[in-house]
PDB file of N, CA and C in Angstrom:
ATOM      1  N   MET A   1     -24.346  -5.851  10.408  1.00  0.00           N
ATOM      2  CA  MET A   1     -22.944  -5.749  11.044  1.00  0.00           C
ATOM      3  C   MET A   1     -22.698  -4.176  11.295  1.00  0.00           C
ATOM      4  N   THR A   2     -22.643  -3.553  12.470  1.00  0.00           N
ATOM      5  CA  THR A   2     -22.068  -2.057  12.445  1.00  0.00           C
ATOM      6  C   THR A   2     -20.612  -1.790  12.330  1.00  0.00           C
ATOM      7  N   THR A   3     -20.465  -0.715  12.049  1.00  0.00           N
ATOM      8  CA  THR A   3     -18.828  -0.308  11.739  1.00  0.00           C
ATOM      9  C   THR A   3     -18.156  -0.623  12.959  1.00  0.00           C
ATOM     10  N   THR A   4     -18.706  -0.486  14.057  1.00  0.00           N
ATOM     11  CA  THR A   4     -18.043  -0.793  15.468  1.00  0.00           C
ATOM     12  C   THR A   4     -17.624  -2.170  15.360  1.00  0.00           C
ATOM     13  N   GLU A   5     -18.524  -3.120  15.149  1.00  0.00           N
ATOM     14  CA  GLU A   5     -18.262  -4.558  15.069  1.00  0.00           C
ATOM     15  C   GLU A   5     -17.286  -4.813  14.220  1.00  0.00           C
ATOM     16  N   LYS A   6     -17.207  -4.361  13.094  1.00  0.00           N
ATOM     17  CA  LYS A   6     -16.417  -4.635  11.753  1.00  0.00           C
ATOM     18  C   LYS A   6     -14.881  -4.202  12.304  1.00  0.00           C
ATOM     19  N   ILE A   7     -14.732  -2.935  12.968  1.00  0.00           N
ATOM     20  CA  ILE A   7     -13.473  -2.624  13.520  1.00  0.00           C
ATOM     21  C   ILE A   7     -13.177  -3.574  14.577  1.00  0.00           C
ATOM     22  N   ALA A   8     -13.971  -4.027  15.577  1.00  0.00           N
ATOM     23  CA  ALA A   8     -13.667  -4.986  16.610  1.00  0.00           C
ATOM     24  C   ALA A   8     -12.956  -6.349  16.055  1.00  0.00           C
ATOM     25  N   ASN A   9     -13.698  -6.760  14.954  1.00  0.00           N
ATOM     26  CA  ASN A   9     -13.403  -8.008  14.277  1.00  0.00           C
ATOM     27  C   ASN A   9     -11.971  -7.719  13.463  1.00  0.00           C
ATOM     28  N   ALA A  10     -11.698  -6.739  12.881  1.00  0.00           N
ATOM     29  CA  ALA A  10     -10.783  -6.403  12.347  1.00  0.00           C
ATOM     30  C   ALA A  10      -9.363  -6.381  13.069  1.00  0.00           C
ATOM     31  N   LYS A  11      -9.614  -5.759  14.442  1.00  0.00           N
ATOM     32  CA  LYS A  11      -8.566  -5.823  15.198  1.00  0.00           C
ATOM     33  C   LYS A  11      -8.272  -7.304  16.078  1.00  0.00           C
ATOM     34  N   LYS A  12      -9.210  -8.113  16.005  1.00  0.00           N
ATOM     35  CA  LYS A  12      -9.066  -9.315  16.619  1.00  0.00           C
ATOM     36  C   LYS A  12      -8.185 -10.191  15.487  1.00  0.00           C
ATOM     37  N   ARG A  13      -8.459 -10.101  14.187  1.00  0.00           N
ATOM     38  CA  ARG A  13      -7.642 -10.740  13.114  1.00  0.00           C
ATOM     39  C   ARG A  13      -6.149 -10.070  13.503  1.00  0.00           C
ATOM     40  N   ILE A  14      -6.010  -8.805  13.187  1.00  0.00           N
ATOM     41  CA  ILE A  14      -4.863  -8.213  13.166  1.00  0.00           C
ATOM     42  C   ILE A  14      -3.763  -8.796  14.511  1.00  0.00           C
ATOM     43  N   ASP A  15      -4.613  -8.962  15.766  1.00  0.00           N
ATOM     44  CA  ASP A  15      -3.891  -9.343  16.894  1.00  0.00           C
ATOM     45  C   ASP A  15      -3.544 -10.963  16.571  1.00  0.00           C
ATOM     46  N   GLU A  16      -4.404 -11.595  15.936  1.00  0.00           N
ATOM     47  CA  GLU A  16      -4.136 -12.985  15.472  1.00  0.00           C
ATOM     48  C   GLU A  16      -2.829 -12.967  14.587  1.00  0.00           C
ATOM     49  N   LEU A  17      -2.876 -12.184  13.768  1.00  0.00           N
ATOM     50  CA  LEU A  17      -2.048 -12.204  12.785  1.00  0.00           C
ATOM     51  C   LEU A  17      -0.394 -11.791  13.503  1.00  0.00           C
ATOM     52  N   GLU A  18      -0.347 -11.093  14.190  1.00  0.00           N
ATOM     53  CA  GLU A  18       0.848 -10.519  14.910  1.00  0.00           C
ATOM     54  C   GLU A  18       1.224 -11.654  15.907  1.00  0.00           C
ATOM     55  N   ARG A  19       0.604 -12.088  16.403  1.00  0.00           N
ATOM     56  CA  ARG A  19       0.876 -13.442  17.185  1.00  0.00           C
ATOM     57  C   ARG A  19       1.529 -14.638  16.352  1.00  0.00           C
ATOM     58  N   LEU A  20       0.957 -14.738  15.282  1.00  0.00           N
ATOM     59  CA  LEU A  20       1.509 -16.014  14.401  1.00  0.00           C
ATOM     60  C   LEU A  20       2.863 -15.311  13.712  1.00  0.00           C
ATOM     61  N   ILE A  21       2.955 -13.715  13.404  1.00  0.00           N
ATOM     62  CA  ILE A  21       4.414 -13.553  13.078  1.00  0.00           C
ATOM     63  C   ILE A  21       5.380 -13.613  14.028  1.00  0.00           C
ATOM     64  N   LYS A  22       4.948 -13.343  15.407  1.00  0.00           N
ATOM     65  CA  LYS A  22       6.114 -13.349  16.569  1.00  0.00           C
ATOM     66  C   LYS A  22       6.365 -15.005  16.458  1.00  0.00           C
ATOM     67  N   TYR A  23       5.251 -15.850  16.590  1.00  0.00           N
ATOM     68  CA  TYR A  23       5.540 -17.357  16.801  1.00  0.00           C
ATOM     69  C   TYR A  23       6.611 -17.763  15.582  1.00  0.00           C
ATOM     70  N   TRP A  24       6.399 -17.442  14.314  1.00  0.00           N
ATOM     71  CA  TRP A  24       7.099 -17.765  13.203  1.00  0.00           C
ATOM     72  C   TRP A  24       8.452 -17.160  13.429  1.00  0.00           C
ATOM     73  N   ASN A  25       8.591 -16.051  13.804  1.00  0.00           N
ATOM     74  CA  ASN A  25      10.179 -15.407  13.966  1.00  0.00           C
ATOM     75  C   ASN A  25      10.654 -16.086  14.992  1.00  0.00           C
ATOM     76  N   ASP A  26      10.160 -16.319  16.154  1.00  0.00           N
ATOM     77  CA  ASP A  26      10.789 -16.940  17.253  1.00  0.00           C
ATOM     78  C   ASP A  26      11.120 -18.595  16.817  1.00  0.00           C
ATOM     79  N   SER A  27      10.351 -19.145  16.033  1.00  0.00           N
ATOM     80  CA  SER A  27      10.725 -20.600  15.777  1.00  0.00           C
ATOM     81  C   SER A  27      11.959 -20.577  14.596  1.00  0.00           C
ATOM     82  N   GLU A  28      12.062 -19.755  14.015  1.00  0.00           N
ATOM     83  CA  GLU A  28      13.328 -19.457  12.913  1.00  0.00           C
ATOM     84  C   GLU A  28      14.442 -19.768  13.759  1.00  0.00           C
ATOM     85  N   HIS A  29      14.652 -19.243  14.877  1.00  0.00           N
ATOM     86  CA  HIS A  29      15.815 -19.124  15.846  1.00  0.00           C
ATOM     87  C   HIS A  29      16.152 -20.417  16.528  1.00  0.00           C
ATOM     88  N   ASP A  30      14.999 -21.204  16.713  1.00  0.00           N
ATOM     89  CA  ASP A  30      15.266 -22.486  17.513  1.00  0.00           C
ATOM     90  C   ASP A  30      16.114 -23.382  16.587  1.00  0.00           C
ATOM     91  N   GLU A  31      16.766 -24.207  17.372  1.00  0.00           N
ATOM     92  CA  GLU A  31      17.754 -25.297  16.764  1.00  0.00           C
ATOM     93  C   GLU A  31      16.913 -26.551  16.327  1.00  0.00           C
ATOM     94  N   VAL A  32      17.027 -26.753  15.097  1.00  0.00           N
ATOM     95  CA  VAL A  32      16.220 -28.086  14.767  1.00  0.00           C
ATOM     96  C   VAL A  32      16.982 -29.278  15.021  1.00  0.00           C
ATOM     97  N   LYS A  33      15.993 -30.130  15.686  1.00  0.00           N
ATOM     98  CA  LYS A  33      16.676 -31.301  16.114  1.00  0.00           C
ATOM     99  C   LYS A  33      16.412 -32.658  15.306  1.00  0.00           C
ATOM    100  N   VAL A  34      17.402 -32.992  14.698  1.00  0.00           N
ATOM    101  CA  VAL A  34      17.101 -34.120  13.752  1.00  0.00           C
ATOM    102  C   VAL A  34      17.812 -35.483  14.245  1.00  0.00           C
ATOM    103  N   VAL A  35      16.826 -36.478  14.045  1.00  0.00           N
ATOM    104  CA  VAL A  35      17.082 -37.835  14.617  1.00  0.00           C
ATOM    105  C   VAL A  35      17.433 -38.607  13.452  1.00  0.00           C
ATOM    106  N   ASP A  36      18.767 -39.182  13.471  1.00  0.00           N
ATOM    107  CA  ASP A  36      19.158 -39.845  12.421  1.00  0.00           C
ATOM    108  C   ASP A  36      18.886 -41.541  12.511  1.00  0.00           C
ATOM    109  N   PHE A  37      18.334 -41.751  11.758  1.00  0.00           N
ATOM    110  CA  PHE A  37      17.903 -43.447  11.764  1.00  0.00           C
ATOM    111  C   PHE A  37      18.476 -44.033  10.650  1.00  0.00           C
ATOM    112  N   THR A  38      19.251 -45.080  10.981  1.00  0.00           N
ATOM    113  CA  THR A  38      19.970 -45.938   9.873  1.00  0.00           C
ATOM    114  C   THR A  38      19.363 -46.827   9.674  1.00  0.00           C
ATOM    115  N   ARG A  39      19.256 -47.237   8.383  1.00  0.00           N
ATOM    116  CA  ARG A  39      18.528 -48.380   7.780  1.00  0.00           C
ATOM    117  C   ARG A  39      19.359 -49.368   7.261  1.00  0.00           C
ATOM    118  N   ASN A  40      19.230 -50.710   7.764  1.00  0.00           N
ATOM    119  CA  ASN A  40      19.952 -51.656   7.352  1.00  0.00           C
ATOM    120  C   ASN A  40      19.391 -52.356   5.964  1.00  0.00           C
ATOM    121  N   ILE A  41      19.740 -52.250   4.859  1.00  0.00           N
ATOM    122  CA  ILE A  41      19.015 -52.781   3.540  1.00  0.00           C
ATOM    123  C   ILE A  41      19.679 -53.813   3.065  1.00  0.00           C
ATOM    124  N   GLU A  42      19.126 -55.188   3.159  1.00  0.00           N
ATOM    125  CA  GLU A  42      19.657 -56.320   2.512  1.00  0.00           C
ATOM    126  C   GLU A  42      19.241 -56.613   1.151  1.00  0.00           C
ATOM    127  N   ASN A  43      20.037 -57.098   0.271  1.00  0.00           N
ATOM    128  CA  ASN A  43      19.777 -57.630  -0.972  1.00  0.00           C
ATOM    129  C   ASN A  43      19.468 -59.032  -0.852  1.00  0.00           C
ATOM    130  N   LYS A  44      18.282 -59.576  -0.983  1.00  0.00           N
ATOM    131  CA  LYS A  44      17.965 -60.944  -0.930  1.00  0.00           C
ATOM    132  C   LYS A  44      17.219 -61.261  -2.031  1.00  0.00           C
ATOM    133  N   VAL A  45      17.660 -62.431  -2.859  1.00  0.00           N
ATOM    134  CA  VAL A  45      17.240 -63.094  -3.783  1.00  0.00           C
ATOM    135  C   VAL A  45      16.292 -64.325  -3.616  1.00  0.00           C
ATOM    136  N   ALA A  46      15.245 -64.256  -4.286  1.00  0.00           N
ATOM    137  CA  ALA A  46      14.041 -65.208  -3.672  1.00  0.00           C
ATOM    138  C   ALA A  46      14.213 -66.547  -4.632  1.00  0.00           C
TER     139      ALA A  46
END
């Protein structure tokens, strides 16, 4: 693998990491939607 190929691969990895960091930062600001499921628990004696 030539130096030029190594640099190109490193650049691809850096770009991918930057996209992931941007995605994570954006997702921190999104509101989390929580669905509340109520459970009915009955005590039954056999």
